[in-house]
Each structure stands twice: as C-alpha cells, then as structure tokens.
Amino acid sequence: MLLAEFDYDLPPELVAKEPLAERDASRLMRVPLGGDPFDHRAFRELPALLSPGDLLVVNDAKVLHARLRGEKVETGGKVELVVDRPLGGARWLCLGQASKGFRPGQRLLLAGELAATVAALRGEGFFEIDVEAGADLWAFAERRGELPLPPYLDRAATPEDDRRYQTLFARAPGAVAAPTAGLHFTERVLGALSARGVTVERLTLYVGAGTFLPVRAERIEDHRMQPERFEIPVGLAAAVAAARARGGRVVAVGTTALRALEAAFDGSTLREGPGETDLFVRPGHAFRAVDGLLTNLHLPRSTLLVLVAALAGRERILSAYREAVALRYRFFSYGDCMLIA
C-alpha cells in the first residue's frame, strides 16, 4: 500500500498547541468496529462506553527531559540531540541534528558541562555517543535537559508541560514522548471505571526517539520501525486471560500499549518480562492480543494512522477523521481522542 493512501486534509488551527484546563474535558469519538455510526462524547463518559468485565491496558512510561543542547568542541557549531536509550557502559543512542552533521570522533560539549564523543553513525539521524567517565546521561538530561515536545507544537516546553505531558500512570522513566492516549485520564474517570466493573492494568513501552521521524518510504511495506523497549509485568498475562474468560474486551490505551501487547503475544498468551519490538502494525495484521483501542488523532501519512487503519479499516478511519475535522476536534498529543471498539 502507498503512504499517500493514509492522508487527509487538516486545517492547521486544529492542531492542539496547549492542553485543556481539565484532562477529562477532551472530546471522544466512538468508532464501533461493527460498522455502527460514529458517536461523539466527552472523555469523562468513557466508562459508559465500556462493559463490565472489560480490561484497559495503559502504558506507564514516564517522559524524561531527553532533549539536550550543546556544541562541537572544535568548531563551536550548535548541536541538539534527544537521548534515546543506553547501550551499555559509557555508550548511548541519540537522535540529533547539528550544523554540517556529525562524524565519528567528533567531540561534543553538552549543556556547557558534559563532554561526549561521537562513536558511530546509525543513519536516519541516529548516532552513538560515549560520555565522559561513564556518566548517567539520563540523570544528566533530567537535570540540564528539556522535555522533548513533538516538533509540530513548535514551541519550547514550559513548567506546565512538565505536569501535563505526563500521564496519571507515569512511573517508569525512560520515554522521550508521552503515551498520549493516557493524558485524558483523571482519578474521577478511574473511579467511574472501577464502579462500572472495568479493570485497568499497566505495562511499559519506552517511546523512543524514532517517533519523531517522518515516514519517507512511498510504500508502507518498505518502512522500518525503530526498535523500542517494553516490559510486560508479571500478572498481566493472567489479567488478559481472565478478561477473555469472562467475555470482556481487552482495550489498549494508546498505540504504544497496543504494539507491546501484540509484540508480546505468542499465539496463546502474553510473554511476561522485558522485550524489544520493531513491529509495524499495518493493514493485514492479525490482531491477537487486543480487541479495541483508545487513541488520540494522529498525523497524516504516519505509522500511527496506518496502525488505527489496520484495526478499523482504512476507509472507515479516514471517514472518521473527516468527520472529526468537520466537527473541529483538536488533534495530536494535546488533542481529543477516539475509542475504536
């Protein structure tokens, strides 16, 4: 399939640049998998759209201050990078840009303080660096870095973003972007879900810097996802099996939770423990672990839009997006959401 088949017209003013005053005041479009008409609600009405016995699976990854600025020691050229993950020892994987690019052996000074050396280039803007004395680059970035807001917000992070660009569930540090479907939840909604008989379980997928890269392949089959680490906690496999046994649905909260669940499903159950996945969910994917998805409204021509089209059907999703535009939904990370179930 061609990437151009996953495009839609989005007026720029519908991109949500700031969060709403209340998390659960966002709008929610219900897209029934059975083909029934779309339905429009407030997010706080989510419990009424689920059934007793359903299971929600959320991603509890916490976003770090992963964006660091610095300079090249030899030339003073400006450097900006996002710390993706540790590779062991003093070596770290980063995504970045700099005047005249990077080359192995180049010395960097990050935030005017930490010395590093470019060790290897990976392609697609990724490169490896070695940091002096084996410093903990995550800890340094938390102290001297910035929250890596998505590029389409086109603004610097603020102290308010430190609070609002984290979900209520965030407790596992290591992500460079928020699992944004979880941003809508409040204690009020969680209480209503519990009263409804809907259970909530957690997993962790550390959203990597590859999430910021555009898809450049014309055919979606030619696109390769950047690997991301995940953790399926002990007990989640039993919770999924119990939900299925009682006739409940397993609904992933966000595309990250969906990818972790699908990647960890071995045909009969979830494999618990750590893992890594480069799974690209696209039309033709046989869903085995999830029955539904709660997700934000995604960028045109993106892997995330392809994923939701794989679940609900391309034409149906594009129709839903056209309706969302017509009704002036708010799009992307700080925007409204969609329940596909």
Protein backbone atom coordinates (compact mmCIF):
# COMPACT_ATOMS: atom_id res chain seq x y z
CA MET A 1 0.00 0.00 0.00
CA LEU A 2 1.11 3.56 -0.64
CA LEU A 3 1.69 6.05 2.16
CA ALA A 4 -0.35 8.56 0.14
CA GLU A 5 -3.42 6.39 0.84
CA PHE A 6 -3.18 7.43 4.50
CA ASP A 7 -3.50 11.17 4.05
CA TYR A 8 -6.20 13.68 4.98
CA ASP A 9 -6.64 17.45 4.99
CA LEU A 10 -6.10 19.03 8.40
CA PRO A 11 -6.55 22.78 8.97
CA PRO A 12 -3.50 23.98 10.96
CA GLU A 13 -5.67 25.63 13.61
CA LEU A 14 -6.98 22.22 14.71
CA VAL A 15 -3.56 21.16 16.00
CA ALA A 16 -3.82 21.45 19.80
CA LYS A 17 -0.87 23.53 20.96
CA GLU A 18 -1.85 23.58 24.65
CA PRO A 19 -3.68 21.15 26.95
CA LEU A 20 -7.22 21.82 28.11
CA ALA A 21 -7.74 23.11 31.66
CA GLU A 22 -9.16 19.71 32.67
CA ARG A 23 -7.74 16.47 31.30
CA ASP A 24 -11.06 14.64 31.07
CA ALA A 25 -12.84 17.53 29.33
CA SER A 26 -11.43 16.39 25.98
CA ARG A 27 -13.81 15.05 23.36
CA LEU A 28 -14.10 11.40 22.43
CA MET A 29 -15.29 9.95 19.14
CA ARG A 30 -16.51 6.35 19.32
CA VAL A 31 -15.79 4.32 16.19
CA PRO A 32 -17.62 0.98 16.60
CA LEU A 33 -15.84 -1.94 14.97
CA GLY A 34 -19.18 -3.38 13.91
CA GLY A 35 -19.86 -0.54 11.47
CA ASP A 36 -22.43 1.38 13.52
CA PRO A 37 -22.45 5.19 13.19
CA PHE A 38 -19.81 7.28 14.91
CA ASP A 39 -20.74 8.68 18.31
CA HIS A 40 -19.45 11.86 19.99
CA ARG A 41 -18.97 12.20 23.73
CA ALA A 42 -16.83 13.86 26.38
CA PHE A 43 -13.91 11.73 27.56
CA ARG A 44 -15.32 11.56 31.08
CA GLU A 45 -18.16 9.49 29.58
CA LEU A 46 -15.71 6.71 28.66
CA PRO A 47 -16.94 4.31 31.39
CA ALA A 48 -20.44 4.27 29.85
CA LEU A 49 -18.92 3.16 26.52
CA LEU A 50 -17.24 0.13 28.07
CA SER A 51 -18.81 -3.01 29.52
CA PRO A 52 -18.39 -4.65 32.94
CA GLY A 53 -15.57 -7.14 32.59
CA ASP A 54 -13.61 -5.13 30.02
CA LEU A 55 -9.89 -4.60 30.62
CA LEU A 56 -7.98 -1.40 29.82
CA VAL A 57 -4.20 -1.71 29.44
CA VAL A 58 -2.26 1.53 29.90
CA ASN A 59 1.37 2.46 29.31
CA ASP A 60 3.06 3.74 32.48
CA ALA A 61 6.20 5.09 30.79
CA LYS A 62 7.45 8.43 32.12
CA VAL A 63 8.86 11.09 29.80
CA LEU A 64 12.35 12.34 30.64
CA HIS A 65 13.99 15.68 29.87
CA ALA A 66 15.67 13.94 26.97
CA ARG A 67 16.44 16.96 24.74
CA LEU A 68 19.96 18.34 25.22
CA ARG A 69 21.65 21.28 23.53
CA GLY A 70 25.37 21.72 23.16
CA GLU A 71 28.18 22.47 20.78
CA LYS A 72 31.02 20.89 18.84
CA VAL A 73 34.26 21.42 20.74
CA GLU A 74 36.39 22.01 17.64
CA THR A 75 34.13 24.48 15.82
CA GLY A 76 31.55 25.72 18.30
CA GLY A 77 28.79 24.57 15.96
CA LYS A 78 25.43 24.14 17.64
CA VAL A 79 24.20 20.65 18.49
CA GLU A 80 20.75 19.42 19.52
CA LEU A 81 20.00 15.81 20.41
CA VAL A 82 17.38 13.60 22.01
CA VAL A 83 18.71 10.81 24.22
CA ASP A 84 17.05 7.60 23.05
CA ARG A 85 18.46 4.91 25.35
CA PRO A 86 21.61 3.46 26.99
CA LEU A 87 23.61 0.91 25.02
CA GLY A 88 25.83 -0.23 27.87
CA GLY A 89 28.87 1.20 29.57
CA ALA A 90 29.50 4.80 28.53
CA ARG A 91 27.64 4.49 25.22
CA TRP A 92 24.22 5.96 24.42
CA LEU A 93 21.99 6.08 21.36
CA CYS A 94 20.76 9.56 20.36
CA LEU A 95 18.79 11.25 17.62
CA GLY A 96 20.09 14.65 16.68
CA GLN A 97 20.96 17.41 14.33
CA ALA A 98 23.89 19.78 14.01
CA SER A 99 25.35 22.24 11.59
CA LYS A 100 27.20 20.18 8.96
CA GLY A 101 26.09 16.94 10.63
CA PHE A 102 28.10 14.57 12.80
CA ARG A 103 31.14 12.38 12.22
CA PRO A 104 32.79 9.65 14.32
CA GLY A 105 35.45 11.00 16.67
CA GLN A 106 33.83 14.42 16.94
CA ARG A 107 33.93 15.87 20.45
CA LEU A 108 30.80 17.46 21.92
CA LEU A 109 30.09 19.56 24.99
CA LEU A 110 26.53 19.06 26.19
CA ALA A 111 24.76 21.83 28.12
CA GLY A 112 28.13 23.52 28.60
CA GLU A 113 29.16 20.81 31.05
CA LEU A 114 29.31 17.17 29.92
CA ALA A 115 31.94 16.01 27.43
CA ALA A 116 30.97 13.36 24.89
CA THR A 117 32.40 11.84 21.71
CA VAL A 118 30.51 10.69 18.62
CA ALA A 119 31.28 6.96 18.40
CA ALA A 120 29.27 5.79 15.37
CA LEU A 121 26.58 6.88 12.94
CA ARG A 122 23.43 4.78 12.63
CA GLY A 123 21.51 6.54 9.83
CA GLU A 124 18.14 8.31 9.89
CA GLY A 125 19.67 10.91 12.21
CA PHE A 126 20.64 8.38 14.89
CA PHE A 127 24.18 8.17 16.25
CA GLU A 128 26.04 6.72 19.22
CA ILE A 129 28.00 8.77 21.72
CA ASP A 130 30.38 7.93 24.54
CA VAL A 131 30.07 10.18 27.59
CA GLU A 132 32.95 11.01 29.90
CA ALA A 133 33.58 8.79 32.91
CA GLY A 134 30.55 6.68 32.05
CA ALA A 135 28.18 9.39 33.31
CA ASP A 136 24.49 8.57 33.61
CA LEU A 137 23.18 10.54 30.64
CA TRP A 138 19.55 10.11 31.73
CA ALA A 139 20.31 11.68 35.11
CA PHE A 140 22.27 14.49 33.46
CA ALA A 141 19.47 15.16 30.98
CA GLU A 142 16.91 15.28 33.79
CA ARG A 143 18.99 18.00 35.42
CA ARG A 144 20.08 20.01 32.37
CA GLY A 145 17.81 18.96 29.51
CA GLU A 146 14.36 19.88 28.24
CA LEU A 147 11.12 17.97 27.81
CA PRO A 148 11.15 16.81 24.15
CA LEU A 149 7.79 18.11 22.97
CA PRO A 150 6.72 16.93 19.49
CA PRO A 151 8.04 19.19 16.69
CA TYR A 152 4.54 20.14 15.50
CA LEU A 153 3.88 22.03 18.74
CA ASP A 154 6.53 24.47 17.51
CA ARG A 155 7.29 25.93 20.92
CA ALA A 156 9.59 25.44 23.88
CA ALA A 157 8.49 23.31 26.80
CA THR A 158 7.13 25.12 29.84
CA PRO A 159 6.82 24.16 33.52
CA GLU A 160 3.15 23.40 32.80
CA ASP A 161 4.23 20.83 30.21
CA ASP A 162 6.28 19.07 32.90
CA ARG A 163 2.98 18.32 34.61
CA ARG A 164 0.58 17.91 31.71
CA TYR A 165 2.79 15.99 29.27
CA GLN A 166 2.86 13.09 31.74
CA THR A 167 0.01 10.67 32.26
CA LEU A 168 -1.56 9.89 35.60
CA PHE A 169 0.08 6.46 35.33
CA ALA A 170 3.68 7.64 34.62
CA ARG A 171 6.15 5.87 36.87
CA ALA A 172 8.71 4.11 34.63
CA PRO A 173 11.27 6.72 33.45
CA GLY A 174 12.83 6.24 30.02
CA ALA A 175 10.45 7.55 27.33
CA VAL A 176 11.12 10.52 25.04
CA ALA A 177 7.43 11.12 24.25
CA ALA A 178 4.25 10.63 26.22
CA PRO A 179 1.82 7.77 25.53
CA THR A 180 -0.73 10.48 24.83
CA ALA A 181 -3.95 8.45 24.98
CA GLY A 182 -3.32 8.23 28.72
CA LEU A 183 -3.21 12.01 29.12
CA HIS A 184 -7.03 12.22 29.34
CA PHE A 185 -7.41 10.08 32.47
CA THR A 186 -8.22 11.54 35.89
CA GLU A 187 -8.89 9.98 39.27
CA ARG A 188 -12.56 10.77 38.67
CA VAL A 189 -12.61 8.69 35.48
CA LEU A 190 -10.68 5.85 37.10
CA GLY A 191 -13.20 5.76 39.93
CA ALA A 192 -16.07 5.60 37.46
CA LEU A 193 -14.35 2.80 35.55
CA SER A 194 -13.93 0.79 38.73
CA ALA A 195 -17.58 1.32 39.64
CA ARG A 196 -18.53 0.14 36.15
CA GLY A 197 -16.60 -3.10 36.64
CA VAL A 198 -13.82 -2.19 34.18
CA THR A 199 -10.31 -3.13 35.31
CA VAL A 200 -7.10 -1.25 34.49
CA GLU A 201 -3.66 -2.87 34.18
CA ARG A 202 -0.27 -1.45 33.26
CA LEU A 203 2.64 -2.28 31.00
CA THR A 204 5.64 -0.22 29.92
CA LEU A 205 6.78 0.69 26.44
CA TYR A 206 9.56 3.27 26.40
CA VAL A 207 8.60 5.52 23.49
CA GLY A 208 11.80 6.08 21.52
CA ALA A 209 13.14 8.99 19.52
CA GLY A 210 12.10 7.24 16.30
CA THR A 211 8.59 8.53 17.00
CA PHE A 212 9.79 11.95 15.79
CA LEU A 213 10.91 10.66 12.37
CA PRO A 214 8.64 11.04 9.32
CA VAL A 215 7.88 8.09 7.07
CA ARG A 216 9.97 8.52 3.92
CA ALA A 217 9.11 5.33 2.05
CA GLU A 218 6.42 5.60 -0.63
CA ARG A 219 5.22 2.05 0.08
CA ILE A 220 4.38 1.41 3.71
CA GLU A 221 5.81 -2.11 3.43
CA ASP A 222 9.24 -0.54 2.89
CA HIS A 223 9.20 1.43 6.14
CA ARG A 224 11.20 0.07 9.09
CA MET A 225 10.29 1.00 12.64
CA GLN A 226 12.99 1.90 15.16
CA PRO A 227 13.19 -0.72 17.95
CA GLU A 228 11.62 0.22 21.28
CA ARG A 229 11.98 -1.49 24.65
CA PHE A 230 8.98 -2.76 26.58
CA GLU A 231 8.16 -4.63 29.78
CA ILE A 232 5.17 -6.93 30.32
CA PRO A 233 4.73 -7.15 34.12
CA VAL A 234 4.04 -10.34 35.99
CA GLY A 235 0.29 -10.83 36.26
CA LEU A 236 -0.73 -9.08 33.05
CA ALA A 237 -1.00 -12.34 31.09
CA ALA A 238 -3.37 -13.71 33.73
CA ALA A 239 -5.40 -10.47 33.69
CA VAL A 240 -5.79 -10.66 29.90
CA ALA A 241 -6.79 -14.33 30.08
CA ALA A 242 -9.30 -13.60 32.85
CA ALA A 243 -10.88 -10.76 30.85
CA ARG A 244 -11.29 -13.03 27.85
CA ALA A 245 -12.70 -15.82 30.01
CA ARG A 246 -15.41 -13.56 31.42
CA GLY A 247 -16.33 -12.27 27.96
CA GLY A 248 -14.64 -8.90 28.38
CA ARG A 249 -12.69 -6.97 25.78
CA VAL A 250 -9.00 -6.07 26.02
CA VAL A 251 -8.71 -2.39 25.08
CA ALA A 252 -5.24 -0.89 24.66
CA VAL A 253 -4.88 2.69 25.85
CA GLY A 254 -2.68 4.10 23.12
CA THR A 255 -0.82 2.72 20.14
CA THR A 256 2.23 2.05 22.33
CA ALA A 257 0.27 -0.29 24.61
CA LEU A 258 -1.22 -1.99 21.56
CA ARG A 259 2.19 -2.58 19.96
CA ALA A 260 3.62 -4.01 23.18
CA LEU A 261 0.66 -6.36 23.64
CA GLU A 262 0.72 -7.56 20.03
CA ALA A 263 4.51 -7.99 20.07
CA ALA A 264 4.45 -9.99 23.31
CA PHE A 265 1.58 -12.31 22.34
CA ASP A 266 2.97 -15.71 21.37
CA GLY A 267 -0.21 -17.26 19.99
CA SER A 268 -1.90 -18.27 23.21
CA THR A 269 -0.72 -15.92 25.94
CA LEU A 270 1.47 -12.92 26.70
CA ARG A 271 5.18 -13.44 27.30
CA GLU A 272 5.90 -11.58 30.52
CA GLY A 273 9.20 -9.79 31.13
CA PRO A 274 11.35 -7.41 29.07
CA GLY A 275 11.34 -7.28 25.29
CA GLU A 276 12.07 -5.13 22.28
CA THR A 277 9.91 -4.60 19.23
CA ASP A 278 10.07 -3.01 15.80
CA LEU A 279 6.55 -4.21 14.98
CA PHE A 280 4.84 -2.08 12.32
CA VAL A 281 1.10 -2.71 12.59
CA ARG A 282 -0.42 -2.14 9.15
CA PRO A 283 -3.47 -3.37 7.20
CA GLY A 284 -3.43 -7.14 7.07
CA HIS A 285 -2.14 -7.50 10.63
CA ALA A 286 -3.98 -10.26 12.52
CA PHE A 287 -4.81 -8.79 15.93
CA ARG A 288 -4.41 -11.43 18.62
CA ALA A 289 -3.97 -9.62 21.93
CA VAL A 290 -6.34 -6.63 21.72
CA ASP A 291 -9.99 -6.13 20.87
CA GLY A 292 -10.07 -2.33 20.88
CA LEU A 293 -8.05 0.84 21.13
CA LEU A 294 -8.31 4.23 22.79
CA THR A 295 -6.10 6.64 20.88
CA ASN A 296 -5.52 10.27 20.01
CA LEU A 297 -5.94 11.68 16.48
CA HIS A 298 -2.74 11.20 14.53
CA LEU A 299 -0.63 12.93 11.91
CA PRO A 300 -1.42 12.37 8.23
CA ARG A 301 0.87 9.87 6.50
CA SER A 302 2.14 8.49 9.82
CA THR A 303 2.71 4.96 11.11
CA LEU A 304 0.16 5.67 13.85
CA LEU A 305 -2.56 6.49 11.33
CA VAL A 306 -1.66 3.28 9.47
CA LEU A 307 -1.99 1.36 12.75
CA VAL A 308 -5.51 2.60 13.53
CA ALA A 309 -6.50 1.92 9.91
CA ALA A 310 -5.28 -1.66 10.37
CA LEU A 311 -7.70 -2.07 13.27
CA ALA A 312 -10.79 -0.26 11.96
CA GLY A 313 -10.27 -0.24 8.18
CA ARG A 314 -8.67 2.47 6.08
CA GLU A 315 -11.82 3.94 4.57
CA ARG A 316 -13.67 3.92 7.89
CA ILE A 317 -10.83 5.66 9.71
CA LEU A 318 -10.41 8.30 7.01
CA SER A 319 -14.17 8.89 7.16
CA ALA A 320 -13.92 9.29 10.94
CA TYR A 321 -11.04 11.76 10.53
CA ARG A 322 -13.02 13.79 8.00
CA GLU A 323 -15.89 13.94 10.49
CA ALA A 324 -13.50 14.94 13.28
CA VAL A 325 -12.20 17.80 11.12
CA ALA A 326 -15.73 18.91 10.26
CA LEU A 327 -16.66 18.93 13.97
CA ARG A 328 -13.48 20.83 14.90
CA TYR A 329 -11.88 18.16 17.05
CA ARG A 330 -8.47 19.01 18.50
CA PHE A 331 -5.65 16.91 17.00
CA PHE A 332 -2.43 15.23 18.14
CA SER A 333 -0.75 14.99 21.55
CA TYR A 334 -2.77 17.57 23.47
CA GLY A 335 -5.89 16.95 21.41
CA ASP A 336 -9.03 14.85 21.61
CA CYS A 337 -9.31 11.08 21.27
CA MET A 338 -11.08 8.15 19.66
CA LEU A 339 -12.36 4.83 21.01
CA ILE A 340 -12.20 2.07 18.41
CA ALA A 341 -14.10 -0.88 19.88
